[in-house]
Amino acid sequence: MKNHSVLITGIGLVSSMGEGVDAHWAALDARQKPRLDKERFAPYTVHNLGEIDWNTQIPKRSDQRQMETWQRLGTYAAGLALEDAGLKGEEQFTSTMDMIVAAGGGERDVTVDTQILAKARGLDGNAGRGVMLNQMLSTELRPTLFLAQLSNLLAGNISIVHKVTGSSRTFMGEEGSGLSAVETAVARIRAGQSSHLLVGASYNAEHYDMLLGHELGGYLKSDGWAPVWSRENSRGGGLVTGSGGVFLVLESAEHAKARGKTAYAEIQSVITGQTNRGKKPLAGTLAAMIGEHKEQFTVSGASGVHAVTAAEKTALTEKGLVYRGFSTRFGHMREAQFPFALALAALAVQKGQAFAALEKDEPAASGPIDSALAVTAGICRAEGVARIIKV
């Protein structure tokens, strides 16, 4: 059985705090204030995007026009990752590059959703609502809506724009899809099935249907912004979402060496799970995944959702880890949450230092680091831990 080392050789990041690895590290280490929109979706807050010149990574306006924002974010981040890895425009590499994407179900027709909800309020019983729903879906939705929103269109757009034309896989399922995408990508390179691979996700928080879905589950924080570990007594569920995209270029050590590319870090292991949290406490599950690793630094994708975040904090504290919840600065990005945590952990290992504490509850770091953990516990389900070490 082959056991190739898996290296991170390119990182593409775009979020409310800017684009590129330097901007994101500065936002973390310099304790920049988060960029927030408190008005458009009141009483909910989102970490909203700033101005992005889409032309720099998606040069054709015709390509831009047929993408929704979540697709543009992913395609843009993929371009940044390829550029960072020195592979952009190098078709001898991109033509054989595999791709794994974590994606949601696409953005919906908010006007039709609003009409359905308004009509549903005036009907009694599920039977009447069901008849109404079928009628609305058959008469009000434009026929091309779902063709434009297929989850695998993000991978398709990346293939078209950046000429990444090896094999392609798309996973769906909130944070779990991001975990599965990374786990599968690492396994493929380790086994020798892929030599170089693009993996990542994107999320547009600035869309009413995304907020509606979370609010129907009782997850959204509805009394303003607070740091992620300090939301236990806040009104609502504790979640504050953010728009962003992240893609990573992963390569086998042999492939990176052959083209003379230096890596950020090595992914030593990825452990994921789908624990029944009603039967087994989440804190214990995360503690078992972390195991006996005493890493100097942990990047947490904690969401702020009350019970889940409390369990994650318990596990990290009991393990004696120095941790940072990056959602404080960037918001929660659902499918992109685990890949984003992995990217930030790799940056910290490459620089040999933890970034500054983002709130008073986070432990102080001391000394240089040569390894880190990326940890994510999904809002409803799915959890995972990756260990990243210095090359």
Protein backbone atom coordinates (compact mmCIF):
# COMPACT_ATOMS: atom_id res chain seq x y z
CA MET A 1 0.00 0.00 0.00
CA LYS A 2 1.35 3.43 -0.95
CA ASN A 3 1.68 6.12 1.69
CA HIS A 4 2.61 9.39 0.00
CA SER A 5 3.07 12.52 2.11
CA VAL A 6 0.33 15.10 1.47
CA LEU A 7 1.54 18.69 1.17
CA ILE A 8 -0.38 21.97 1.00
CA THR A 9 1.33 23.98 -1.75
CA GLY A 10 -1.32 26.60 -2.55
CA ILE A 11 -3.94 28.47 -0.53
CA GLY A 12 -6.70 30.68 -1.93
CA LEU A 13 -8.78 32.66 0.56
CA VAL A 14 -11.48 35.27 0.10
CA SER A 15 -13.77 36.54 2.87
CA SER A 16 -15.20 39.67 4.45
CA MET A 17 -11.66 40.61 5.47
CA GLY A 18 -10.18 40.61 1.98
CA GLU A 19 -8.41 38.13 -0.26
CA GLY A 20 -5.17 36.18 -0.17
CA VAL A 21 -3.13 34.66 2.64
CA ASP A 22 -1.41 37.89 3.67
CA ALA A 23 -4.65 39.81 4.14
CA HIS A 24 -6.14 37.00 6.22
CA TRP A 25 -3.11 36.55 8.41
CA ALA A 26 -3.00 40.31 9.04
CA ALA A 27 -6.71 40.31 9.93
CA LEU A 28 -6.03 37.64 12.53
CA ASP A 29 -2.67 38.62 13.94
CA ALA A 30 -3.29 42.38 14.00
CA ARG A 31 -6.71 41.84 15.63
CA GLN A 32 -8.52 43.79 12.97
CA LYS A 33 -12.17 44.47 13.69
CA PRO A 34 -14.55 42.23 11.78
CA ARG A 35 -16.42 43.63 8.81
CA LEU A 36 -20.12 43.42 9.69
CA ASP A 37 -23.46 44.24 8.10
CA LYS A 38 -25.98 44.79 10.88
CA GLU A 39 -28.67 46.53 8.84
CA ARG A 40 -29.60 44.63 5.65
CA PHE A 41 -30.77 41.47 7.39
CA ALA A 42 -31.72 42.87 10.79
CA PRO A 43 -32.07 41.54 13.44
CA TYR A 44 -29.36 39.21 12.09
CA THR A 45 -25.73 40.15 11.46
CA VAL A 46 -23.53 38.83 8.66
CA HIS A 47 -19.82 39.17 7.87
CA ASN A 48 -20.28 40.71 4.44
CA LEU A 49 -17.94 40.85 1.46
CA GLY A 50 -16.15 44.02 0.50
CA GLU A 51 -15.49 45.07 -3.08
CA ILE A 52 -14.06 42.27 -5.21
CA ASP A 53 -12.71 42.74 -8.70
CA TRP A 54 -13.96 39.45 -10.11
CA ASN A 55 -12.10 40.18 -13.37
CA THR A 56 -8.74 39.32 -11.84
CA GLN A 57 -9.62 35.62 -11.51
CA ILE A 58 -12.69 35.31 -13.78
CA PRO A 59 -11.72 37.41 -16.81
CA LYS A 60 -14.74 36.72 -19.04
CA ARG A 61 -17.85 38.72 -18.15
CA SER A 62 -19.98 36.02 -19.77
CA ASP A 63 -18.65 33.51 -17.23
CA GLN A 64 -19.32 35.90 -14.36
CA ARG A 65 -22.90 36.58 -15.46
CA GLN A 66 -23.99 32.97 -15.42
CA MET A 67 -22.62 32.35 -11.89
CA GLU A 68 -24.42 33.12 -8.64
CA THR A 69 -22.25 34.74 -5.94
CA TRP A 70 -21.40 31.47 -4.20
CA GLN A 71 -20.03 30.12 -7.50
CA ARG A 72 -18.03 33.29 -8.18
CA LEU A 73 -16.55 33.10 -4.68
CA GLY A 74 -15.44 29.52 -5.19
CA THR A 75 -14.07 30.08 -8.67
CA TYR A 76 -12.22 33.17 -7.46
CA ALA A 77 -10.69 31.35 -4.46
CA ALA A 78 -9.68 28.45 -6.72
CA GLY A 79 -7.85 30.89 -8.98
CA LEU A 80 -6.01 32.37 -6.00
CA ALA A 81 -4.96 28.89 -4.85
CA LEU A 82 -3.67 27.91 -8.28
CA GLU A 83 -1.80 31.21 -8.54
CA ASP A 84 -0.31 30.73 -5.09
CA ALA A 85 0.85 27.23 -6.02
CA GLY A 86 2.40 28.44 -9.28
CA LEU A 87 -0.03 26.37 -11.35
CA LYS A 88 -2.35 28.98 -12.82
CA GLY A 89 -2.27 28.84 -16.59
CA GLU A 90 0.06 25.82 -16.52
CA GLU A 91 -2.13 23.44 -18.51
CA GLN A 92 0.43 20.63 -18.41
CA PHE A 93 -0.49 20.43 -14.71
CA THR A 94 -4.11 21.65 -14.60
CA SER A 95 -5.16 19.24 -17.36
CA THR A 96 -4.33 16.31 -15.08
CA MET A 97 -5.35 17.96 -11.82
CA ASP A 98 -8.18 16.34 -9.88
CA MET A 99 -10.78 18.42 -8.04
CA ILE A 100 -13.03 17.86 -5.02
CA VAL A 101 -15.61 20.49 -4.08
CA ALA A 102 -17.93 20.86 -1.10
CA ALA A 103 -21.09 22.71 -2.15
CA GLY A 104 -24.55 23.60 -0.95
CA GLY A 105 -27.77 23.26 -2.89
CA GLY A 106 -27.43 26.65 -4.53
CA GLU A 107 -29.27 29.90 -3.93
CA ARG A 108 -33.05 29.88 -4.25
CA ASP A 109 -35.72 32.11 -5.79
CA VAL A 110 -36.40 34.31 -2.77
CA THR A 111 -39.49 35.91 -4.32
CA VAL A 112 -41.19 32.53 -4.75
CA ASP A 113 -40.11 31.40 -1.27
CA THR A 114 -41.69 34.55 0.18
CA GLN A 115 -44.94 33.91 -1.68
CA ILE A 116 -45.06 30.31 -0.45
CA LEU A 117 -44.50 31.29 3.17
CA ALA A 118 -47.16 34.01 2.97
CA LYS A 119 -49.74 31.58 1.54
CA ALA A 120 -48.82 28.87 4.04
CA ARG A 121 -49.70 31.13 6.96
CA GLY A 122 -53.30 31.30 5.79
CA LEU A 123 -53.80 27.55 5.43
CA ASP A 124 -54.73 24.97 8.03
CA GLY A 125 -53.21 21.51 8.06
CA ASN A 126 -50.31 19.94 6.19
CA ALA A 127 -52.52 18.57 3.39
CA GLY A 128 -53.60 22.03 2.27
CA ARG A 129 -50.07 23.34 2.46
CA GLY A 130 -48.83 20.40 0.40
CA VAL A 131 -51.32 21.07 -2.40
CA MET A 132 -50.43 24.75 -2.38
CA LEU A 133 -46.70 23.99 -2.43
CA ASN A 134 -47.02 21.70 -5.47
CA GLN A 135 -49.05 24.31 -7.32
CA MET A 136 -46.56 27.09 -6.58
CA LEU A 137 -43.54 25.02 -7.56
CA SER A 138 -45.12 24.03 -10.86
CA THR A 139 -46.30 27.50 -11.83
CA GLU A 140 -43.98 30.09 -10.26
CA LEU A 141 -40.43 28.79 -10.55
CA ARG A 142 -38.58 29.71 -13.72
CA PRO A 143 -37.62 26.52 -15.58
CA THR A 144 -33.89 27.27 -15.60
CA LEU A 145 -33.56 27.98 -11.86
CA PHE A 146 -32.25 24.59 -10.84
CA LEU A 147 -30.10 24.22 -13.94
CA ALA A 148 -28.26 27.33 -12.79
CA GLN A 149 -28.00 26.10 -9.19
CA LEU A 150 -26.77 22.52 -9.52
CA SER A 151 -24.16 21.90 -6.85
CA ASN A 152 -21.60 20.53 -9.28
CA LEU A 153 -21.66 23.74 -11.31
CA LEU A 154 -18.98 25.21 -9.05
CA ALA A 155 -16.61 22.46 -10.15
CA GLY A 156 -17.79 22.98 -13.73
CA ASN A 157 -17.05 26.69 -13.60
CA ILE A 158 -13.59 26.09 -12.14
CA SER A 159 -12.89 23.63 -14.95
CA ILE A 160 -14.00 26.14 -17.58
CA VAL A 161 -12.28 29.21 -16.15
CA HIS A 162 -9.06 27.68 -14.79
CA LYS A 163 -8.73 24.62 -17.08
CA VAL A 164 -8.70 22.14 -14.18
CA THR A 165 -9.85 19.14 -16.19
CA GLY A 166 -8.86 15.98 -14.32
CA SER A 167 -11.47 14.02 -12.39
CA SER A 168 -14.12 15.97 -10.44
CA ARG A 169 -16.22 15.16 -7.38
CA THR A 170 -18.76 17.29 -5.51
CA PHE A 171 -19.95 16.58 -1.97
CA MET A 172 -23.10 18.05 -0.40
CA GLY A 173 -24.16 18.29 3.24
CA GLU A 174 -23.21 21.43 5.19
CA GLU A 175 -19.99 21.12 7.24
CA GLY A 176 -19.93 17.39 6.62
CA SER A 177 -19.30 17.95 2.92
CA GLY A 178 -16.24 20.08 3.66
CA LEU A 179 -14.92 17.38 5.98
CA SER A 180 -15.53 14.64 3.41
CA ALA A 181 -13.97 16.67 0.60
CA VAL A 182 -10.72 17.17 2.52
CA GLU A 183 -10.65 13.60 3.84
CA THR A 184 -11.14 12.16 0.36
CA ALA A 185 -8.58 14.49 -1.21
CA VAL A 186 -5.94 13.51 1.35
CA ALA A 187 -6.73 9.80 0.95
CA ARG A 188 -6.41 9.98 -2.84
CA ILE A 189 -2.98 11.59 -2.73
CA ARG A 190 -1.77 9.32 0.05
CA ALA A 191 -2.80 6.25 -1.95
CA GLY A 192 -1.24 7.52 -5.17
CA GLN A 193 -4.59 7.94 -6.96
CA SER A 194 -3.90 11.67 -7.40
CA SER A 195 -0.57 13.45 -7.59
CA HIS A 196 -1.99 16.99 -7.34
CA LEU A 197 -5.47 18.08 -6.44
CA LEU A 198 -7.66 21.14 -5.85
CA VAL A 199 -10.07 20.97 -2.91
CA GLY A 200 -12.32 23.58 -1.33
CA ALA A 201 -15.69 25.27 -0.96
CA SER A 202 -17.51 28.60 -0.87
CA TYR A 203 -20.53 30.13 0.84
CA ASN A 204 -22.63 33.24 0.30
CA ALA A 205 -24.14 34.31 3.62
CA GLU A 206 -25.76 37.41 2.11
CA HIS A 207 -28.84 35.72 0.73
CA TYR A 208 -32.20 35.63 2.48
CA ASP A 209 -32.82 31.93 1.90
CA MET A 210 -29.54 30.98 3.61
CA LEU A 211 -30.52 32.96 6.68
CA LEU A 212 -34.08 31.59 6.55
CA GLY A 213 -32.86 27.99 6.63
CA HIS A 214 -30.72 28.63 9.68
CA GLU A 215 -33.42 30.62 11.46
CA LEU A 216 -36.03 27.89 10.92
CA GLY A 217 -33.64 25.63 12.83
CA GLY A 218 -33.33 28.21 15.63
CA TYR A 219 -29.60 28.73 15.04
CA LEU A 220 -29.13 32.44 14.26
CA LYS A 221 -27.97 35.00 16.81
CA SER A 222 -30.51 37.83 16.82
CA ASP A 223 -29.07 40.43 19.19
CA GLY A 224 -26.01 41.67 17.39
CA TRP A 225 -22.44 40.41 17.12
CA ALA A 226 -20.20 38.97 19.84
CA PRO A 227 -17.00 36.86 19.76
CA VAL A 228 -17.70 33.22 19.07
CA TRP A 229 -16.91 31.87 22.56
CA SER A 230 -19.00 34.57 24.26
CA ARG A 231 -22.47 33.89 22.87
CA GLU A 232 -23.85 31.45 25.44
CA ASN A 233 -26.31 33.97 26.91
CA SER A 234 -27.21 35.73 23.69
CA ARG A 235 -30.68 35.80 22.12
CA GLY A 236 -31.27 33.20 19.44
CA GLY A 237 -29.05 30.26 18.60
CA GLY A 238 -25.62 31.93 18.52
CA LEU A 239 -24.73 31.59 14.82
CA VAL A 240 -23.35 34.54 12.83
CA THR A 241 -22.60 33.61 9.22
CA GLY A 242 -20.04 35.03 6.80
CA SER A 243 -19.40 34.98 3.07
CA GLY A 244 -16.20 33.44 1.80
CA GLY A 245 -14.37 30.90 -0.28
CA VAL A 246 -11.34 28.68 0.26
CA PHE A 247 -9.42 26.33 -1.99
CA LEU A 248 -6.25 24.39 -1.32
CA VAL A 249 -3.78 22.84 -3.72
CA LEU A 250 -2.65 19.49 -2.32
CA GLU A 251 0.27 17.59 -3.79
CA SER A 252 2.28 14.48 -3.07
CA ALA A 253 5.76 15.29 -1.81
CA GLU A 254 7.21 13.72 -4.95
CA HIS A 255 5.10 15.87 -7.28
CA ALA A 256 5.91 19.09 -5.43
CA LYS A 257 9.63 18.27 -5.36
CA ALA A 258 9.70 17.48 -9.08
CA ARG A 259 8.48 20.98 -9.92
CA GLY A 260 10.53 22.67 -7.19
CA LYS A 261 7.59 23.89 -5.12
CA THR A 262 7.93 24.65 -1.41
CA ALA A 263 4.95 23.66 0.75
CA TYR A 264 3.15 25.49 3.52
CA ALA A 265 2.81 22.34 5.61
CA GLU A 266 2.03 18.62 5.54
CA ILE A 267 -1.34 17.11 6.40
CA GLN A 268 -0.43 14.18 8.61
CA SER A 269 -3.93 12.91 9.39
CA VAL A 270 -7.63 13.63 8.98
CA ILE A 271 -10.27 12.05 11.22
CA THR A 272 -13.99 12.63 10.61
CA GLY A 273 -17.21 11.33 12.10
CA GLN A 274 -21.00 11.53 12.14
CA THR A 275 -21.69 10.91 15.81
CA ASN A 276 -25.22 10.53 17.15
CA ARG A 277 -25.03 13.43 19.57
CA GLY A 278 -28.22 12.35 21.30
CA LYS A 279 -26.54 9.18 22.45
CA LYS A 280 -22.91 10.21 22.80
CA PRO A 281 -21.74 13.58 24.18
CA LEU A 282 -20.05 15.71 21.54
CA ALA A 283 -17.27 16.85 23.90
CA GLY A 284 -16.21 13.24 24.40
CA THR A 285 -16.29 12.57 20.66
CA LEU A 286 -14.04 15.54 19.91
CA ALA A 287 -11.68 14.64 22.76
CA ALA A 288 -11.34 11.12 21.35
CA MET A 289 -10.63 12.50 17.86
CA ILE A 290 -7.97 14.83 19.23
CA GLY A 291 -6.47 11.89 21.10
CA GLU A 292 -3.15 12.30 22.84
CA HIS A 293 -1.80 14.94 20.47
CA LYS A 294 -0.49 17.87 22.48
CA GLU A 295 -0.30 20.37 19.64
CA GLN A 296 0.97 23.85 20.38
CA PHE A 297 -1.94 25.40 18.50
CA THR A 298 -5.50 24.62 17.40
CA VAL A 299 -7.63 26.45 14.83
CA SER A 300 -11.29 25.90 15.65
CA GLY A 301 -14.23 26.30 13.29
CA ALA A 302 -16.59 26.78 16.25
CA SER A 303 -19.92 28.16 15.01
CA GLY A 304 -21.19 29.93 18.13
CA VAL A 305 -24.30 27.70 18.28
CA HIS A 306 -24.75 27.36 22.01
CA ALA A 307 -24.61 23.66 22.89
CA VAL A 308 -22.21 22.66 20.10
CA THR A 309 -19.74 25.46 20.83
CA ALA A 310 -19.86 24.77 24.58
CA ALA A 311 -19.04 21.11 23.92
CA GLU A 312 -16.14 22.04 21.63
CA LYS A 313 -14.75 24.49 24.17
CA THR A 314 -14.96 21.81 26.87
CA ALA A 315 -12.99 19.34 24.73
CA LEU A 316 -10.30 21.86 23.80
CA THR A 317 -9.94 23.11 27.38
CA GLU A 318 -9.76 19.64 28.90
CA LYS A 319 -7.06 18.70 26.42
CA GLY A 320 -5.09 21.79 27.49
CA LEU A 321 -4.88 23.18 23.96
CA VAL A 322 -4.20 26.74 22.84
CA TYR A 323 -7.10 27.46 20.50
CA ARG A 324 -8.56 30.22 18.32
CA GLY A 325 -12.13 30.46 17.00
CA PHE A 326 -11.76 32.13 13.60
CA SER A 327 -15.53 32.64 13.18
CA THR A 328 -15.07 35.63 15.49
CA ARG A 329 -13.29 37.38 12.64
CA PHE A 330 -14.81 35.87 9.46
CA GLY A 331 -18.17 34.40 10.44
CA HIS A 332 -19.31 30.83 9.89
CA MET A 333 -19.01 29.61 6.28
CA ARG A 334 -20.77 26.24 6.46
CA GLU A 335 -19.30 23.98 3.72
CA ALA A 336 -16.09 26.03 3.69
CA GLN A 337 -15.59 25.94 7.47
CA PHE A 338 -13.25 22.93 7.72
CA PRO A 339 -11.13 23.76 4.65
CA PHE A 340 -10.80 27.32 6.01
CA ALA A 341 -9.64 26.03 9.41
CA LEU A 342 -7.13 23.80 7.64
CA ALA A 343 -5.79 26.72 5.61
CA LEU A 344 -5.31 28.92 8.68
CA ALA A 345 -3.63 26.09 10.61
CA ALA A 346 -1.23 25.53 7.70
CA LEU A 347 -0.39 29.25 7.63
CA ALA A 348 0.39 29.20 11.35
CA VAL A 349 2.66 26.16 10.96
CA GLN A 350 4.44 27.71 7.98
CA LYS A 351 5.06 30.93 9.92
CA GLY A 352 5.98 28.99 13.08
CA GLN A 353 3.66 31.02 15.28
CA ALA A 354 0.11 31.17 16.57
CA PHE A 355 -1.91 34.21 15.62
CA ALA A 356 -3.10 36.50 18.36
CA ALA A 357 -6.01 35.64 20.67
CA LEU A 358 -9.27 36.91 19.18
CA GLU A 359 -11.03 37.27 22.53
CA LYS A 360 -10.21 37.16 26.23
CA ASP A 361 -11.32 33.55 26.74
CA GLU A 362 -8.69 32.17 24.36
CA PRO A 363 -5.46 30.90 25.99
CA ALA A 364 -2.22 32.75 25.34
CA ALA A 365 0.34 31.05 23.10
CA SER A 366 4.02 30.78 23.96
CA GLY A 367 6.98 29.88 21.80
CA PRO A 368 7.25 28.77 18.18
CA ILE A 369 5.03 26.03 16.76
CA ASP A 370 5.73 23.25 14.28
CA SER A 371 2.35 21.50 14.33
CA ALA A 372 -1.31 22.41 14.67
CA LEU A 373 -4.81 20.98 14.69
CA ALA A 374 -7.80 22.08 12.62
CA VAL A 375 -11.07 21.22 14.38
CA THR A 376 -14.67 21.60 13.23
CA ALA A 377 -17.93 20.48 14.82
CA GLY A 378 -20.93 20.95 12.54
CA ILE A 379 -23.99 22.86 13.66
CA CYS A 380 -26.23 19.77 13.41
CA ARG A 381 -23.89 16.90 12.64
CA ALA A 382 -20.41 15.94 11.44
CA GLU A 383 -17.15 16.62 13.21
CA GLY A 384 -13.51 16.32 12.27
CA VAL A 385 -9.91 16.92 13.24
CA ALA A 386 -6.86 17.32 11.00
CA ARG A 387 -3.23 17.37 12.15
CA ILE A 388 -0.85 19.64 10.23
CA ILE A 389 2.93 19.50 10.67
CA LYS A 390 5.91 21.49 9.43
CA VAL A 391 7.59 20.18 6.28
